[in-house]
C-alpha atoms as a PDB file:
ATOM      1  CA  UNK A   1      81.448 110.641  84.890  1.00  0.00           C
ATOM      2  CA  UNK A   2      78.952 108.387  86.610  1.00  0.00           C
ATOM      3  CA  UNK A   3      79.267 106.811  90.020  1.00  0.00           C
ATOM      4  CA  UNK A   4      79.862 103.113  90.376  1.00  0.00           C
ATOM      5  CA  UNK A   5      80.502 100.688  93.193  1.00  0.00           C
ATOM      6  CA  UNK A   6      78.868  98.077  95.361  1.00  0.00           C
ATOM      7  CA  UNK A   7      75.559  96.878  93.894  1.00  0.00           C
ATOM      8  CA  UNK A   8      72.443  97.751  95.867  1.00  0.00           C
ATOM      9  CA  UNK A   9      74.060 100.719  97.674  1.00  0.00           C
ATOM     10  CA  UNK A  10      73.622 104.405  96.988  1.00  0.00           C
ATOM     11  CA  UNK A  11      76.628 106.599  96.255  1.00  0.00           C
ATOM     12  CA  UNK A  12      76.407 108.182  99.712  1.00  0.00           C
ATOM     13  CA  UNK A  13      76.204 104.767 101.389  1.00  0.00           C
ATOM     14  CA  UNK A  14      79.314 103.659  99.495  1.00  0.00           C
ATOM     15  CA  UNK A  15      81.170 106.894 100.366  1.00  0.00           C
ATOM     16  CA  UNK A  16      80.218 107.080 104.051  1.00  0.00           C
ATOM     17  CA  UNK A  17      79.025 103.786 105.502  1.00  0.00           C
ATOM     18  CA  UNK A  18      80.635 100.896 103.714  1.00  0.00           C
ATOM     19  CA  UNK A  19      84.069  99.476 104.514  1.00  0.00           C
ATOM     20  CA  UNK A  20      86.814  99.785 101.939  1.00  0.00           C
ATOM     21  CA  UNK A  21      90.151  98.188 101.212  1.00  0.00           C
ATOM     22  CA  UNK A  22      92.314  99.898  98.612  1.00  0.00           C
ATOM     23  CA  UNK A  23      95.799  99.307  97.278  1.00  0.00           C
ATOM     24  CA  UNK A  24      97.253 102.818  97.555  1.00  0.00           C
ATOM     25  CA  UNK A  25     100.866 102.053  96.659  1.00  0.00           C
ATOM     26  CA  UNK A  26     102.992  99.340  95.067  1.00  0.00           C
ATOM     27  CA  UNK A  27     106.678  98.953  94.377  1.00  0.00           C
ATOM     28  CA  UNK A  28     108.948  96.306  92.936  1.00  0.00           C
ATOM     29  CA  UNK A  29     111.774  95.747  90.526  1.00  0.00           C
ATOM     30  CA  UNK A  30     114.195  98.139  88.946  1.00  0.00           C
ATOM     31  CA  UNK A  31     112.906 101.729  89.049  1.00  0.00           C
ATOM     32  CA  UNK A  32     115.836 103.648  87.504  1.00  0.00           C
ATOM     33  CA  UNK A  33     116.355 104.886  83.957  1.00  0.00           C
ATOM     34  CA  UNK A  34     116.307 102.287  81.241  1.00  0.00           C
ATOM     35  CA  UNK A  35     115.507  98.637  81.724  1.00  0.00           C
ATOM     36  CA  UNK A  36     117.097  95.689  83.506  1.00  0.00           C
ATOM     37  CA  UNK A  37     115.874  92.181  82.879  1.00  0.00           C
ATOM     38  CA  UNK A  38     115.891  90.976  86.448  1.00  0.00           C
ATOM     39  CA  UNK A  39     113.372  89.192  88.601  1.00  0.00           C
ATOM     40  CA  UNK A  40     112.610  91.446  91.596  1.00  0.00           C
ATOM     41  CA  UNK A  41     113.727  90.072  94.942  1.00  0.00           C
ATOM     42  CA  UNK A  42     111.149  92.056  96.888  1.00  0.00           C
ATOM     43  CA  UNK A  43     107.888  93.876  96.366  1.00  0.00           C
ATOM     44  CA  UNK A  44     105.681  95.985  98.572  1.00  0.00           C
ATOM     45  CA  UNK A  45     102.053  96.991  98.622  1.00  0.00           C
ATOM     46  CA  UNK A  46     100.446  99.582 100.850  1.00  0.00           C
ATOM     47  CA  UNK A  47      96.785  99.057 101.713  1.00  0.00           C
ATOM     48  CA  UNK A  48      94.318 101.502 103.220  1.00  0.00           C
ATOM     49  CA  UNK A  49      91.193 100.362 104.988  1.00  0.00           C
ATOM     50  CA  UNK A  50      88.186 102.437 105.946  1.00  0.00           C
ATOM     51  CA  UNK A  51      86.393 100.887 108.883  1.00  0.00           C
ATOM     52  CA  UNK A  52      82.722 101.305 109.666  1.00  0.00           C
ATOM     53  CA  UNK A  53      80.831 101.204 112.977  1.00  0.00           C
ATOM     54  CA  UNK A  54      81.307  97.997 114.960  1.00  0.00           C
ATOM     55  CA  UNK A  55      84.546  97.093 113.181  1.00  0.00           C
ATOM     56  CA  UNK A  56      87.510  96.903 115.546  1.00  0.00           C
ATOM     57  CA  UNK A  57      90.878  97.757 113.959  1.00  0.00           C
ATOM     58  CA  UNK A  58      92.756  94.867 115.596  1.00  0.00           C
ATOM     59  CA  UNK A  59      90.144  92.346 114.453  1.00  0.00           C
ATOM     60  CA  UNK A  60      90.104  93.663 110.889  1.00  0.00           C
ATOM     61  CA  UNK A  61      93.904  93.683 110.783  1.00  0.00           C
ATOM     62  CA  UNK A  62      93.935  89.998 111.816  1.00  0.00           C
ATOM     63  CA  UNK A  63      91.392  89.142 109.119  1.00  0.00           C
ATOM     64  CA  UNK A  64      93.301  90.949 106.363  1.00  0.00           C
ATOM     65  CA  UNK A  65      96.571  89.341 107.513  1.00  0.00           C
ATOM     66  CA  UNK A  66      94.916  85.874 107.515  1.00  0.00           C
ATOM     67  CA  UNK A  67      93.511  86.436 104.022  1.00  0.00           C
ATOM     68  CA  UNK A  68      96.904  87.515 102.671  1.00  0.00           C
ATOM     69  CA  UNK A  69      98.605  84.568 104.373  1.00  0.00           C
ATOM     70  CA  UNK A  70      96.044  82.123 102.941  1.00  0.00           C
ATOM     71  CA  UNK A  71      96.719  83.335  99.382  1.00  0.00           C
ATOM     72  CA  UNK A  72     100.495  83.765  99.727  1.00  0.00           C
ATOM     73  CA  UNK A  73     102.488  81.454  97.451  1.00  0.00           C
ATOM     74  CA  UNK A  74     104.464  78.937  99.548  1.00  0.00           C
ATOM     75  CA  UNK A  75     107.864  80.259  98.410  1.00  0.00           C
ATOM     76  CA  UNK A  76     107.085  83.883  99.369  1.00  0.00           C
ATOM     77  CA  UNK A  77     108.024  85.438 102.703  1.00  0.00           C
ATOM     78  CA  UNK A  78     105.505  88.043 103.805  1.00  0.00           C
ATOM     79  CA  UNK A  79     105.612  90.774 106.426  1.00  0.00           C
ATOM     80  CA  UNK A  80     102.537  92.811 107.373  1.00  0.00           C
ATOM     81  CA  UNK A  81     103.027  96.067 109.257  1.00  0.00           C
ATOM     82  CA  UNK A  82     100.108  98.034 110.680  1.00  0.00           C
ATOM     83  CA  UNK A  83     100.617 101.794 110.478  1.00  0.00           C
ATOM     84  CA  UNK A  84      97.755 102.752 112.769  1.00  0.00           C
ATOM     85  CA  UNK A  85      94.269 104.135 112.808  1.00  0.00           C
ATOM     86  CA  UNK A  86      92.696 107.554 113.108  1.00  0.00           C
ATOM     87  CA  UNK A  87      91.363 107.306 116.664  1.00  0.00           C
ATOM     88  CA  UNK A  88      94.386 109.231 117.893  1.00  0.00           C
ATOM     89  CA  UNK A  89      94.979 111.697 120.745  1.00  0.00           C
ATOM     90  CA  UNK A  90      95.004 114.488 118.149  1.00  0.00           C
ATOM     91  CA  UNK A  91      91.590 113.482 116.805  1.00  0.00           C
ATOM     92  CA  UNK A  92      90.239 113.230 120.337  1.00  0.00           C
ATOM     93  CA  UNK A  93      91.536 116.749 121.075  1.00  0.00           C
ATOM     94  CA  UNK A  94      89.951 118.019 117.844  1.00  0.00           C
ATOM     95  CA  UNK A  95      86.604 116.464 118.835  1.00  0.00           C
ATOM     96  CA  UNK A  96      86.700 118.188 122.245  1.00  0.00           C
ATOM     97  CA  UNK A  97      87.443 121.556 120.629  1.00  0.00           C
ATOM     98  CA  UNK A  98      84.707 121.165 118.012  1.00  0.00           C
ATOM     99  CA  UNK A  99      82.171 120.358 120.732  1.00  0.00           C
ATOM    100  CA  UNK A 100      83.225 123.493 122.608  1.00  0.00           C
ATOM    101  CA  UNK A 101      83.046 125.773 119.543  1.00  0.00           C
ATOM    102  CA  UNK A 102      79.978 124.294 117.849  1.00  0.00           C
ATOM    103  CA  UNK A 103      77.981 123.421 120.976  1.00  0.00           C
ATOM    104  CA  UNK A 104      77.389 119.819 119.885  1.00  0.00           C
ATOM    105  CA  UNK A 105      79.321 116.600 119.420  1.00  0.00           C
ATOM    106  CA  UNK A 106      81.177 116.588 116.071  1.00  0.00           C
ATOM    107  CA  UNK A 107      80.284 114.240 113.276  1.00  0.00           C
ATOM    108  CA  UNK A 108      82.924 111.631 112.625  1.00  0.00           C
ATOM    109  CA  UNK A 109      82.670 111.928 108.882  1.00  0.00           C
ATOM    110  CA  UNK A 110      83.574 108.846 106.883  1.00  0.00           C
ATOM    111  CA  UNK A 111      84.805 109.840 103.465  1.00  0.00           C
ATOM    112  CA  UNK A 112      86.458 107.896 100.678  1.00  0.00           C
ATOM    113  CA  UNK A 113      88.701 110.747  99.614  1.00  0.00           C
ATOM    114  CA  UNK A 114      92.101 111.320 101.207  1.00  0.00           C
ATOM    115  CA  UNK A 115      94.842 113.880 101.433  1.00  0.00           C
ATOM    116  CA  UNK A 116      97.890 111.968 100.099  1.00  0.00           C
ATOM    117  CA  UNK A 117     100.398 114.050 102.080  1.00  0.00           C
ATOM    118  CA  UNK A 118      98.932 112.774 105.366  1.00  0.00           C
ATOM    119  CA  UNK A 119     100.295 109.282 104.752  1.00  0.00           C
ATOM    120  CA  UNK A 120     103.749 110.760 104.128  1.00  0.00           C
ATOM    121  CA  UNK A 121     103.600 112.765 107.373  1.00  0.00           C
ATOM    122  CA  UNK A 122     102.893 109.571 109.283  1.00  0.00           C
ATOM    123  CA  UNK A 123     105.415 107.468 107.364  1.00  0.00           C
ATOM    124  CA  UNK A 124     108.318 109.927 107.192  1.00  0.00           C
ATOM    125  CA  UNK A 125     107.843 111.979 110.356  1.00  0.00           C
ATOM    126  CA  UNK A 126     106.434 109.110 112.406  1.00  0.00           C
ATOM    127  CA  UNK A 127     103.530 111.179 113.754  1.00  0.00           C
ATOM    128  CA  UNK A 128      99.789 110.570 113.475  1.00  0.00           C
ATOM    129  CA  UNK A 129      97.734 113.101 111.514  1.00  0.00           C
ATOM    130  CA  UNK A 130      94.428 114.834 112.187  1.00  0.00           C
ATOM    131  CA  UNK A 131      92.086 116.400 109.660  1.00  0.00           C
ATOM    132  CA  UNK A 132      90.278 119.416 111.128  1.00  0.00           C
ATOM    133  CA  UNK A 133      87.698 120.769 108.669  1.00  0.00           C
ATOM    134  CA  UNK A 134      85.018 123.427 108.436  1.00  0.00           C
ATOM    135  CA  UNK A 135      82.913 123.148 105.301  1.00  0.00           C
ATOM    136  CA  UNK A 136      79.431 122.984 103.908  1.00  0.00           C
ATOM    137  CA  UNK A 137      80.005 119.537 102.426  1.00  0.00           C
ATOM    138  CA  UNK A 138      78.811 120.376  98.908  1.00  0.00           C
ATOM    139  CA  UNK A 139      80.424 121.480  95.662  1.00  0.00           C
ATOM    140  CA  UNK A 140      83.839 120.378  96.893  1.00  0.00           C
ATOM    141  CA  UNK A 141      86.499 121.443  94.362  1.00  0.00           C
ATOM    142  CA  UNK A 142      83.778 122.802  92.051  1.00  0.00           C
ATOM    143  CA  UNK A 143      83.803 126.328  90.587  1.00  0.00           C
ATOM    144  CA  UNK A 144      81.193 127.359  93.170  1.00  0.00           C
ATOM    145  CA  UNK A 145      82.912 125.812  96.193  1.00  0.00           C
ATOM    146  CA  UNK A 146      82.447 128.125  99.154  1.00  0.00           C
ATOM    147  CA  UNK A 147      82.916 128.695 102.863  1.00  0.00           C
ATOM    148  CA  UNK A 148      80.553 130.874 104.902  1.00  0.00           C
ATOM    149  CA  UNK A 149      82.157 133.758 106.787  1.00  0.00           C
ATOM    150  CA  UNK A 150      80.557 132.431 110.003  1.00  0.00           C
ATOM    151  CA  UNK A 151      82.351 129.106 109.504  1.00  0.00           C
ATOM    152  CA  UNK A 152      85.613 130.923 108.792  1.00  0.00           C
ATOM    153  CA  UNK A 153      85.235 132.739 112.134  1.00  0.00           C
ATOM    154  CA  UNK A 154      84.368 129.524 113.995  1.00  0.00           C
ATOM    155  CA  UNK A 155      87.255 127.755 112.289  1.00  0.00           C
ATOM    156  CA  UNK A 156      89.688 130.482 113.346  1.00  0.00           C
ATOM    157  CA  UNK A 157      88.500 130.195 116.952  1.00  0.00           C
ATOM    158  CA  UNK A 158      88.678 126.394 116.827  1.00  0.00           C
ATOM    159  CA  UNK A 159      92.259 126.392 115.487  1.00  0.00           C
ATOM    160  CA  UNK A 160      93.382 128.639 118.342  1.00  0.00           C
ATOM    161  CA  UNK A 161      91.683 126.354 120.879  1.00  0.00           C
ATOM    162  CA  UNK A 162      93.071 123.223 119.207  1.00  0.00           C
ATOM    163  CA  UNK A 163      96.638 124.509 119.334  1.00  0.00           C
ATOM    164  CA  UNK A 164      96.168 125.368 123.026  1.00  0.00           C
ATOM    165  CA  UNK A 165      94.677 121.912 123.698  1.00  0.00           C
ATOM    166  CA  UNK A 166      97.538 120.152 121.913  1.00  0.00           C
ATOM    167  CA  UNK A 167     100.006 122.246 123.916  1.00  0.00           C
ATOM    168  CA  UNK A 168      98.381 121.125 127.177  1.00  0.00           C
ATOM    169  CA  UNK A 169      98.657 117.490 126.059  1.00  0.00           C
ATOM    170  CA  UNK A 170     102.437 117.689 125.619  1.00  0.00           C
ATOM    171  CA  UNK A 171     104.018 115.095 123.317  1.00  0.00           C
ATOM    172  CA  UNK A 172     101.127 112.609 123.436  1.00  0.00           C
ATOM    173  CA  UNK A 173      99.419 113.693 120.167  1.00  0.00           C
ATOM    174  CA  UNK A 174     102.730 113.711 118.300  1.00  0.00           C
ATOM    175  CA  UNK A 175     103.990 110.245 119.163  1.00  0.00           C
ATOM    176  CA  UNK A 176     103.045 107.379 116.894  1.00  0.00           C
ATOM    177  CA  UNK A 177     101.828 104.494 118.963  1.00  0.00           C
ATOM    178  CA  UNK A 178     100.197 101.131 118.388  1.00  0.00           C
ATOM    179  CA  UNK A 179      96.901 100.981 116.537  1.00  0.00           C
ATOM    180  CA  UNK A 180      94.087 101.971 118.836  1.00  0.00           C
ATOM    181  CA  UNK A 181      90.603 100.591 119.128  1.00  0.00           C
ATOM    182  CA  UNK A 182      88.982 103.535 117.357  1.00  0.00           C
ATOM    183  CA  UNK A 183      87.393 103.857 113.972  1.00  0.00           C
ATOM    184  CA  UNK A 184      88.655 105.326 110.750  1.00  0.00           C
ATOM    185  CA  UNK A 185      87.190 108.818 110.595  1.00  0.00           C
ATOM    186  CA  UNK A 186      88.209 112.381 111.209  1.00  0.00           C
ATOM    187  CA  UNK A 187      86.217 114.881 113.265  1.00  0.00           C
ATOM    188  CA  UNK A 188      84.298 117.169 110.942  1.00  0.00           C
ATOM    189  CA  UNK A 189      81.995 120.081 111.666  1.00  0.00           C
ATOM    190  CA  UNK A 190      79.209 121.449 109.539  1.00  0.00           C
ATOM    191  CA  UNK A 191      76.702 124.199 110.175  1.00  0.00           C
END
């Protein structure tokens, strides 16, 4: 399968540095067994946005809301709810731990892929999520995917330190709050 996307951009540019807006969920109408010939009274769509440097979540949220409002049919009522962004206390704690373990500031890795369960954790449990990864960044999910023993050891140390750091922070990392001014990436360490 070939790669495709924004003209004039390499695959890595599209994966890491370009903003995205995806429809990641939709619902409407009768969902049970069989069929009912009704016109749905409501519908929902869930969007995910990946922000890039110099994009401020609040500003982008306003722009998306204005675009949706501009194209909304006049007889449709619309509600937009912002679920939040990844610049959370948990991500900040993870970045501090990675700097301690790796001896350098972590990369805030912008990636187009997602872990679908993370959205459910935030939606159902009402808590923000943090991705805390130790990988080589190549051959992901391929037959020769691997993890160096040295990274396994560093990852084990980092997880212990992260759990201690989250414990010191109390409830702060586990309370969903308003969208912050941070970007849309998770701390990621490579060696």
